[in-house]
Amino acid sequence: MKYFALFLTLSLFFTSCKQENSKKEIMTEDQLMSIAKKIHNNVITLDTHCDINVKNFTDSINYTQDLTSQITLPKMKKGGLDVAWFIVYTGQDSLTPQGYENAYKNAMSKFEAIHKLTNDIAPDQIALALTSNDVRRIHKIGKKVAMIGVENGYPIGTDISNVKKFYDLGARYMSLSHNGHSQLCDSNTGEADGIWLHNGVSDLGKQVIVEMNTYGMMIDVSHPSKESMRQMIKLTKAPIIASHSSARALCDHSRNLDDEQLQWLKENGGVVQTVAFTSYLNTEKFEKRNEKELEIAKQIADSMGIQWRDRKEIAELSAEEKEKYYDFYTKMIPIKKEKIKKIDNLPPAVDVSDFVNHIDYLVNKIGIDHVGISSDFDGGGGIEGWSDASETFNVTVELVKRGYTEAQIEKLWSGNLLRVLDEVQKVATMLQKTS
């Protein structure tokens, strides 16, 4: 009798699978798009990494206009991107009093720019959120949401009270290094030459982690070294995030997380925000395509009187020189995009499908509760199909194609990240009560 019951159960299972597959096969493009649009409108879409240029936050030039930058309010509205984490980024420079002073000034200028956008330029269109409740409240009244992340703790200098200052200005996550070792921890870039400054997190960095836990600022491990990440997880009392990283198993780049790091992150309760950065997604496609695109980019740079620089050369520039170069790079991207449209037989570009391949891998490896989405727009990010905020809907379409449900897509787009933010802030409340 039990064998008959087993046979019946299996028959029903395979029949239901066939019916499900049949449903998928007969779904039309219109039906797919209708489902995707409904889901995209229902969920809060959140991108954890969008770089900024302070020149785009003035009274005359700002995000209310459809600028060439990948993020603007018109582009966010067109693509249905609800929340953008604007980044207070500072390139790594010398570990000297003058270097720290310059870095602090740079960071403050970016904090001021973000506040100017939400307070003065477009308070009717976008507002700053500090908590998950803020995000939902602002979204409910129809405004876009701004949040703030700090990329590179270098501007902290040697004064840990700056952690609280940055928190009070709205920063809700911070990485302790970028490309190059900071005073706080080693960077992933040490893999290239095997030279390390701290062998992980410095003593000052350990103090900064305590401060971040105390005030409720998420620790971002996207740029720090693997050993730094291991030590951070051991030190922190709250979940961590990787604000813009993908899976190293699919693309062997030091900016991605390997399976061991992913397991650490899962056990910590954190989230990895899969990044739409071509060279972190598909090495083979990137290299073939990049060879052709590089020729075009260099031609554009030459026509603009700019000396083209590779990543290593950019890393060696001063913070001010980096800023100027990134200004050129932002202007160059849309020009290159238009030129590419007119060229036939280019190698295929890294696209949304490659991006969601990483999401699939991460979900299968560590679970749906630990994966999110980021672009790195205006910082080198952007792929075919999600080249700027206006194309955000295409990511949801691909997720629906892969069979993700609305509940799962909600987690990927914002639920998981906001859950971590809540938990980090809950830990901070407890620590402040016991201090």
Protein backbone atom coordinates (compact mmCIF):
# COMPACT_ATOMS: atom_id res chain seq x y z
CA MET A 1 0.00 0.00 0.00
CA LYS A 2 2.81 2.39 0.90
CA TYR A 3 4.45 1.76 -2.50
CA PHE A 4 1.19 2.61 -4.26
CA ALA A 5 0.97 5.84 -2.27
CA LEU A 6 4.56 6.69 -3.20
CA PHE A 7 3.83 5.96 -6.87
CA LEU A 8 0.74 8.19 -6.75
CA THR A 9 2.69 11.00 -5.08
CA LEU A 10 5.44 10.85 -7.68
CA SER A 11 2.90 10.73 -10.51
CA LEU A 12 1.17 13.82 -9.19
CA PHE A 13 4.53 15.57 -8.72
CA PHE A 14 5.73 14.95 -12.26
CA THR A 15 2.30 15.82 -13.67
CA SER A 16 2.33 19.12 -11.80
CA CYS A 17 5.89 19.78 -13.03
CA LYS A 18 4.81 19.13 -16.61
CA GLN A 19 1.82 21.41 -16.16
CA GLU A 20 4.07 24.11 -14.68
CA ASN A 21 6.56 23.77 -17.55
CA SER A 22 3.67 23.86 -19.98
CA LYS A 23 2.46 27.11 -18.43
CA LYS A 24 5.91 28.62 -18.83
CA GLU A 25 6.14 27.49 -22.43
CA ILE A 26 2.86 29.07 -23.46
CA MET A 27 3.40 32.35 -21.59
CA THR A 28 3.49 35.12 -24.16
CA GLU A 29 5.87 38.07 -24.12
CA ASP A 30 2.94 40.33 -23.26
CA GLN A 31 2.00 38.13 -20.29
CA LEU A 32 5.60 38.09 -19.07
CA MET A 33 5.88 41.86 -19.30
CA SER A 34 2.55 42.32 -17.56
CA ILE A 35 3.65 40.17 -14.62
CA ALA A 36 7.04 41.92 -14.46
CA LYS A 37 5.45 45.39 -14.50
CA LYS A 38 3.09 44.46 -11.70
CA ILE A 39 5.92 43.13 -9.55
CA HIS A 40 8.20 46.07 -10.37
CA ASN A 41 5.47 48.50 -9.29
CA ASN A 42 4.70 46.55 -6.11
CA VAL A 43 8.22 46.16 -4.71
CA ILE A 44 10.65 48.83 -3.51
CA THR A 45 13.64 48.80 -5.84
CA LEU A 46 16.88 49.75 -4.09
CA ASP A 47 20.39 50.16 -5.50
CA THR A 48 23.13 50.23 -2.85
CA HIS A 49 25.88 51.89 -4.88
CA CYS A 50 25.59 55.04 -7.02
CA ASP A 51 28.63 57.32 -7.16
CA ILE A 52 28.22 61.08 -7.43
CA ASN A 53 30.04 64.10 -8.79
CA VAL A 54 29.51 67.26 -6.72
CA LYS A 55 29.40 69.27 -9.96
CA ASN A 56 25.98 67.73 -10.58
CA PHE A 57 24.53 69.13 -7.34
CA THR A 58 24.45 72.84 -8.06
CA ASP A 59 21.60 75.27 -8.64
CA SER A 60 22.21 75.24 -12.40
CA ILE A 61 23.32 71.62 -12.99
CA ASN A 62 21.61 68.93 -10.95
CA TYR A 63 19.70 65.66 -10.85
CA THR A 64 16.34 67.21 -11.74
CA GLN A 65 17.76 67.39 -15.28
CA ASP A 66 18.43 64.45 -17.58
CA LEU A 67 22.21 64.72 -17.39
CA THR A 68 24.66 62.31 -19.00
CA SER A 69 25.26 60.66 -15.61
CA GLN A 70 23.76 57.21 -15.15
CA ILE A 71 21.70 58.36 -12.18
CA THR A 72 19.28 61.31 -12.32
CA LEU A 73 15.75 61.77 -11.06
CA PRO A 74 14.26 61.52 -14.59
CA LYS A 75 16.17 58.26 -15.16
CA MET A 76 15.07 56.88 -11.78
CA LYS A 77 11.44 57.69 -12.61
CA LYS A 78 11.63 56.19 -16.08
CA GLY A 79 13.18 52.95 -14.89
CA GLY A 80 11.26 52.65 -11.65
CA LEU A 81 14.29 52.84 -9.36
CA ASP A 82 12.94 53.90 -5.97
CA VAL A 83 16.00 54.11 -3.71
CA ALA A 84 19.53 55.21 -4.60
CA TRP A 85 22.38 54.99 -2.13
CA PHE A 86 24.56 57.97 -3.04
CA ILE A 87 28.20 57.36 -2.28
CA VAL A 88 30.64 59.53 -0.36
CA TYR A 89 33.69 58.15 -2.17
CA THR A 90 37.29 59.19 -1.55
CA GLY A 91 40.19 57.72 -3.50
CA GLN A 92 43.08 56.39 -1.44
CA ASP A 93 46.01 58.76 -0.99
CA SER A 94 48.87 59.18 1.48
CA LEU A 95 48.46 58.20 5.13
CA THR A 96 49.57 61.61 6.35
CA PRO A 97 47.89 64.49 8.20
CA GLN A 98 47.59 66.39 4.90
CA GLY A 99 46.17 63.34 3.15
CA TYR A 100 43.56 62.87 5.89
CA GLU A 101 42.64 66.57 5.80
CA ASN A 102 42.12 66.51 2.04
CA ALA A 103 40.10 63.31 2.27
CA TYR A 104 37.87 64.75 5.00
CA LYS A 105 37.19 67.87 2.91
CA ASN A 106 36.30 65.71 -0.07
CA ALA A 107 33.92 63.60 2.01
CA MET A 108 32.22 66.65 3.49
CA SER A 109 31.69 68.15 0.03
CA LYS A 110 29.82 65.01 -1.01
CA PHE A 111 27.70 64.90 2.15
CA GLU A 112 26.81 68.54 1.50
CA ALA A 113 25.92 67.82 -2.12
CA ILE A 114 23.49 65.02 -1.18
CA HIS A 115 21.85 67.19 1.48
CA LYS A 116 21.57 70.04 -1.00
CA LEU A 117 19.70 67.74 -3.40
CA THR A 118 17.18 66.58 -0.81
CA ASN A 119 16.82 69.86 1.11
CA ASP A 120 17.17 72.59 -1.52
CA ILE A 121 17.22 71.36 -5.12
CA ALA A 122 14.42 68.78 -5.21
CA PRO A 123 12.77 68.27 -1.79
CA ASP A 124 9.47 67.73 -3.61
CA GLN A 125 10.91 64.78 -5.53
CA ILE A 126 13.42 63.05 -3.25
CA ALA A 127 14.07 62.77 0.49
CA LEU A 128 16.86 61.36 2.66
CA ALA A 129 16.12 58.14 4.55
CA LEU A 130 17.96 57.03 7.68
CA THR A 131 15.95 53.89 8.52
CA SER A 132 13.87 51.25 6.75
CA ASN A 133 10.75 52.97 8.09
CA ASP A 134 11.89 56.19 6.43
CA VAL A 135 12.31 54.33 3.14
CA ARG A 136 8.78 52.95 3.24
CA ARG A 137 7.26 56.25 4.39
CA ILE A 138 8.96 58.31 1.67
CA HIS A 139 8.17 55.75 -1.00
CA LYS A 140 4.52 55.67 0.06
CA ILE A 141 4.10 59.40 -0.59
CA GLY A 142 5.53 59.05 -4.09
CA LYS A 143 9.01 60.49 -3.65
CA LYS A 144 12.32 58.93 -4.58
CA VAL A 145 14.58 57.95 -1.70
CA ALA A 146 18.20 58.93 -1.11
CA MET A 147 20.46 57.06 1.28
CA ILE A 148 24.16 57.54 1.97
CA GLY A 149 27.08 55.11 1.98
CA VAL A 150 30.75 55.91 2.55
CA GLU A 151 33.20 54.20 0.21
CA ASN A 152 36.58 54.17 1.94
CA GLY A 153 37.00 55.06 5.60
CA TYR A 154 40.13 57.03 4.73
CA PRO A 155 38.43 60.43 5.51
CA ILE A 156 38.01 59.28 9.13
CA GLY A 157 41.71 60.01 9.48
CA THR A 158 42.89 59.09 12.96
CA ASP A 159 39.90 60.63 14.75
CA ILE A 160 37.28 57.96 15.45
CA SER A 161 34.77 60.63 16.49
CA ASN A 162 34.35 61.18 12.74
CA VAL A 163 32.37 57.93 12.62
CA LYS A 164 29.63 59.60 14.66
CA LYS A 165 29.90 62.77 12.53
CA PHE A 166 29.38 60.76 9.35
CA TYR A 167 26.52 58.85 10.95
CA ASP A 168 24.83 62.08 11.99
CA LEU A 169 25.16 63.30 8.39
CA GLY A 170 23.22 60.25 7.22
CA ALA A 171 25.86 57.60 6.46
CA ARG A 172 24.40 54.15 7.03
CA TYR A 173 27.25 52.05 5.70
CA MET A 174 31.00 52.44 5.28
CA SER A 175 33.83 50.39 3.82
CA LEU A 176 37.13 50.64 5.68
CA SER A 177 39.24 50.75 2.51
CA HIS A 178 39.03 51.16 -1.26
CA ASN A 179 41.70 50.49 -3.90
CA GLY A 180 44.81 50.67 -1.77
CA HIS A 181 45.41 50.01 1.91
CA SER A 182 43.94 52.63 4.24
CA GLN A 183 44.88 53.39 7.84
CA LEU A 184 41.97 51.15 8.87
CA CYS A 185 42.46 47.93 6.92
CA ASP A 186 44.05 46.20 3.96
CA SER A 187 42.44 46.38 0.51
CA ASN A 188 41.70 43.56 -1.91
CA THR A 189 44.29 45.19 -4.20
CA GLY A 190 47.04 43.63 -2.07
CA GLU A 191 46.39 40.36 -3.88
CA ALA A 192 48.16 41.73 -6.94
CA ASP A 193 51.56 42.18 -5.30
CA GLY A 194 51.20 40.28 -2.03
CA ILE A 195 52.07 43.39 -0.03
CA TRP A 196 49.94 44.02 3.06
CA LEU A 197 50.03 46.93 5.48
CA HIS A 198 48.11 45.52 8.46
CA ASN A 199 47.57 41.82 7.67
CA GLY A 200 43.87 42.55 7.99
CA VAL A 201 42.33 45.26 10.19
CA SER A 202 44.52 47.80 11.99
CA ASP A 203 44.12 48.63 15.69
CA LEU A 204 42.49 51.91 14.65
CA GLY A 205 40.20 50.00 12.30
CA LYS A 206 39.10 47.78 15.17
CA GLN A 207 38.09 50.88 17.13
CA VAL A 208 36.16 52.16 14.11
CA ILE A 209 34.25 48.87 13.91
CA VAL A 210 33.23 49.25 17.55
CA GLU A 211 32.01 52.79 16.81
CA MET A 212 30.08 51.64 13.74
CA ASN A 213 28.37 48.92 15.78
CA THR A 214 27.58 51.42 18.54
CA TYR A 215 25.87 53.95 16.26
CA GLY A 216 24.23 51.62 13.74
CA MET A 217 26.37 51.94 10.63
CA MET A 218 26.66 48.84 8.43
CA ILE A 219 30.17 47.52 7.72
CA ASP A 220 30.80 47.16 3.98
CA VAL A 221 33.32 44.49 2.92
CA SER A 222 33.28 45.00 -0.86
CA HIS A 223 36.78 46.51 -1.14
CA PRO A 224 38.70 45.23 1.92
CA SER A 225 40.90 42.14 1.64
CA LYS A 226 39.68 38.63 2.43
CA GLU A 227 41.64 38.59 5.68
CA SER A 228 40.20 42.00 6.59
CA MET A 229 36.71 40.63 6.00
CA ARG A 230 37.43 37.58 8.15
CA GLN A 231 38.60 39.77 11.02
CA MET A 232 35.70 42.20 10.62
CA ILE A 233 33.17 39.38 10.94
CA LYS A 234 34.98 38.14 14.04
CA LEU A 235 34.94 41.64 15.57
CA THR A 236 31.48 42.90 14.65
CA LYS A 237 28.41 42.36 16.78
CA ALA A 238 26.07 43.05 13.83
CA PRO A 239 25.51 41.71 10.30
CA ILE A 240 27.70 43.05 7.48
CA ILE A 241 27.11 43.86 3.83
CA ALA A 242 29.08 43.70 0.61
CA SER A 243 27.59 46.79 -1.05
CA HIS A 244 28.75 45.97 -4.59
CA SER A 245 30.35 42.58 -5.20
CA SER A 246 29.55 39.43 -7.17
CA ALA A 247 30.50 35.74 -7.12
CA ARG A 248 34.18 34.88 -7.53
CA ALA A 249 33.30 31.33 -8.57
CA LEU A 250 31.81 32.76 -11.78
CA CYS A 251 34.32 35.58 -12.29
CA ASP A 252 37.74 35.33 -10.64
CA HIS A 253 38.31 38.93 -9.56
CA SER A 254 39.56 40.03 -6.14
CA ARG A 255 36.60 42.39 -5.85
CA ASN A 256 34.24 39.40 -5.82
CA LEU A 257 33.55 37.07 -2.90
CA ASP A 258 34.69 33.45 -3.03
CA ASP A 259 32.59 30.61 -1.64
CA GLU A 260 34.31 30.70 1.74
CA GLN A 261 33.63 34.42 2.11
CA LEU A 262 30.02 33.87 1.06
CA GLN A 263 29.62 31.25 3.78
CA TRP A 264 31.08 33.65 6.35
CA LEU A 265 28.60 36.28 5.22
CA LYS A 266 25.67 33.87 5.42
CA GLU A 267 26.61 32.75 8.93
CA ASN A 268 26.95 36.41 9.94
CA GLY A 269 23.43 37.11 8.66
CA GLY A 270 24.58 39.67 6.11
CA VAL A 271 23.84 40.35 2.46
CA VAL A 272 25.90 40.57 -0.74
CA GLN A 273 24.63 43.16 -3.21
CA THR A 274 25.36 41.66 -6.64
CA VAL A 275 27.02 44.33 -8.77
CA ALA A 276 26.33 45.14 -12.43
CA PHE A 277 29.99 45.75 -13.26
CA THR A 278 31.11 44.17 -16.52
CA SER A 279 34.57 42.96 -15.50
CA TYR A 280 33.19 41.40 -12.29
CA LEU A 281 30.54 39.35 -14.14
CA ASN A 282 31.96 37.56 -17.19
CA THR A 283 35.70 37.75 -17.85
CA GLU A 284 35.67 36.20 -21.32
CA LYS A 285 32.88 38.39 -22.69
CA PHE A 286 34.27 41.47 -20.99
CA GLU A 287 37.76 41.07 -22.43
CA LYS A 288 36.59 40.45 -26.00
CA ARG A 289 34.19 43.36 -25.95
CA ASN A 290 36.48 45.65 -23.97
CA GLU A 291 39.22 45.39 -26.57
CA LYS A 292 36.92 47.04 -29.11
CA GLU A 293 35.32 49.49 -26.68
CA LEU A 294 38.74 50.55 -25.41
CA GLU A 295 39.75 51.63 -28.90
CA ILE A 296 36.65 53.83 -29.10
CA ALA A 297 37.15 55.24 -25.58
CA LYS A 298 40.76 56.18 -26.31
CA GLN A 299 39.69 57.94 -29.51
CA ILE A 300 37.12 59.94 -27.54
CA ALA A 301 39.69 60.80 -24.85
CA ASP A 302 42.13 61.97 -27.53
CA SER A 303 39.46 64.15 -29.14
CA MET A 304 38.77 65.72 -25.71
CA GLY A 305 42.46 66.34 -25.04
CA ILE A 306 42.54 63.81 -22.19
CA GLN A 307 45.30 61.27 -21.59
CA TRP A 308 43.74 57.81 -21.32
CA ARG A 309 44.65 55.95 -18.13
CA ASP A 310 44.18 52.34 -17.07
CA ARG A 311 42.99 51.37 -13.59
CA LYS A 312 46.50 51.06 -12.19
CA GLU A 313 47.40 54.55 -13.42
CA ILE A 314 44.16 55.98 -12.02
CA ALA A 315 44.93 54.45 -8.62
CA GLU A 316 48.23 56.35 -8.56
CA LEU A 317 46.56 59.74 -9.13
CA SER A 318 45.93 62.15 -6.28
CA ALA A 319 42.36 62.44 -5.00
CA GLU A 320 41.90 65.72 -6.91
CA GLU A 321 43.29 64.23 -10.13
CA LYS A 322 41.06 61.17 -9.74
CA GLU A 323 38.04 63.45 -9.41
CA LYS A 324 38.91 65.24 -12.63
CA TYR A 325 39.49 61.98 -14.46
CA TYR A 326 36.18 60.50 -13.29
CA ASP A 327 34.49 63.69 -14.47
CA PHE A 328 35.85 63.03 -17.96
CA TYR A 329 34.94 59.34 -17.74
CA THR A 330 31.32 60.15 -16.90
CA LYS A 331 31.07 62.43 -19.93
CA MET A 332 32.79 59.87 -22.17
CA ILE A 333 30.44 56.94 -21.45
CA PRO A 334 27.30 58.24 -23.25
CA ILE A 335 29.42 59.38 -26.21
CA LYS A 336 30.94 55.90 -26.45
CA LYS A 337 27.48 54.35 -26.15
CA GLU A 338 26.21 56.31 -29.16
CA LYS A 339 29.26 55.41 -31.25
CA ILE A 340 28.88 51.72 -30.42
CA LYS A 341 25.28 51.72 -31.67
CA LYS A 342 26.58 52.52 -35.16
CA ILE A 343 29.13 49.67 -35.27
CA ASP A 344 28.15 46.23 -36.57
CA ASN A 345 29.53 42.83 -35.54
CA LEU A 346 30.91 43.84 -32.16
CA PRO A 347 31.50 40.96 -29.69
CA PRO A 348 28.46 40.56 -27.40
CA ALA A 349 28.45 42.77 -24.33
CA VAL A 350 28.13 41.63 -20.72
CA ASP A 351 24.40 41.94 -20.12
CA VAL A 352 21.51 41.52 -17.70
CA SER A 353 21.54 37.76 -18.24
CA ASP A 354 25.17 37.57 -17.07
CA PHE A 355 24.23 39.71 -14.08
CA VAL A 356 21.33 37.48 -13.03
CA ASN A 357 23.56 34.42 -13.49
CA HIS A 358 25.46 35.74 -10.48
CA ILE A 359 22.24 36.31 -8.56
CA ASP A 360 21.24 32.72 -9.33
CA TYR A 361 24.59 31.41 -8.14
CA LEU A 362 24.53 33.45 -4.93
CA VAL A 363 20.94 32.46 -4.15
CA ASN A 364 21.76 28.77 -4.68
CA LYS A 365 24.94 29.05 -2.61
CA ILE A 366 23.81 31.08 0.43
CA GLY A 367 20.04 31.47 0.11
CA ILE A 368 17.55 34.07 -1.07
CA ASP A 369 17.76 35.99 2.24
CA HIS A 370 21.39 37.01 1.71
CA VAL A 371 21.43 38.44 -1.81
CA GLY A 372 20.66 41.93 -3.15
CA ILE A 373 21.25 44.24 -6.11
CA SER A 374 23.60 47.13 -6.91
CA SER A 375 24.82 48.93 -10.04
CA ASP A 376 27.95 50.98 -9.24
CA PHE A 377 26.51 53.58 -11.62
CA ASP A 378 28.77 56.56 -12.27
CA GLY A 379 31.63 54.57 -10.77
CA GLY A 380 32.28 52.22 -13.67
CA GLY A 381 29.16 50.07 -13.39
CA GLY A 382 26.49 49.44 -15.99
CA ILE A 383 25.82 46.55 -18.37
CA GLU A 384 23.91 45.95 -21.57
CA GLY A 385 20.25 46.22 -20.59
CA TRP A 386 20.96 48.06 -17.33
CA SER A 387 23.27 50.77 -18.53
CA ASP A 388 21.64 53.47 -16.39
CA ALA A 389 18.74 53.92 -13.97
CA SER A 390 16.21 54.31 -16.80
CA GLU A 391 16.64 50.59 -17.62
CA THR A 392 16.11 49.28 -14.08
CA PHE A 393 12.91 47.46 -15.08
CA ASN A 394 14.95 45.08 -17.27
CA VAL A 395 16.46 43.48 -14.19
CA THR A 396 13.00 42.62 -12.85
CA VAL A 397 12.03 41.22 -16.25
CA GLU A 398 15.02 38.87 -16.23
CA LEU A 399 14.25 37.77 -12.66
CA VAL A 400 10.67 36.95 -13.67
CA LYS A 401 11.99 34.99 -16.68
CA ARG A 402 14.13 32.93 -14.30
CA GLY A 403 11.07 32.03 -12.22
CA TYR A 404 11.58 34.23 -9.17
CA THR A 405 8.35 35.02 -7.33
CA GLU A 406 7.24 38.49 -6.26
CA ALA A 407 8.19 37.72 -2.64
CA GLN A 408 11.67 36.64 -3.72
CA ILE A 409 12.14 39.64 -6.01
CA GLU A 410 11.11 41.95 -3.16
CA LYS A 411 13.85 40.44 -1.00
CA LEU A 412 16.44 40.83 -3.74
CA TRP A 413 15.53 44.41 -4.59
CA SER A 414 15.30 45.81 -1.05
CA GLY A 415 13.96 43.48 1.62
CA ASN A 416 17.24 41.80 2.52
CA LEU A 417 19.28 45.00 2.68
CA LEU A 418 16.67 46.78 4.79
CA ARG A 419 16.45 43.76 7.09
CA VAL A 420 20.22 43.99 7.71
CA LEU A 421 19.94 47.74 8.33
CA ASP A 422 17.20 47.07 10.90
CA GLU A 423 19.32 44.46 12.66
CA VAL A 424 22.39 46.69 12.71
CA GLN A 425 20.38 49.53 14.21
CA LYS A 426 18.81 47.17 16.75
CA VAL A 427 22.30 46.08 17.87
CA ALA A 428 23.29 49.74 18.20
CA THR A 429 20.29 50.46 20.42
CA MET A 430 21.23 47.56 22.70
CA LEU A 431 24.88 48.61 22.86
CA GLN A 432 23.96 52.20 23.71
CA LYS A 433 21.69 51.01 26.53
CA THR A 434 24.42 48.86 28.08
CA SER A 435 27.26 51.37 27.68
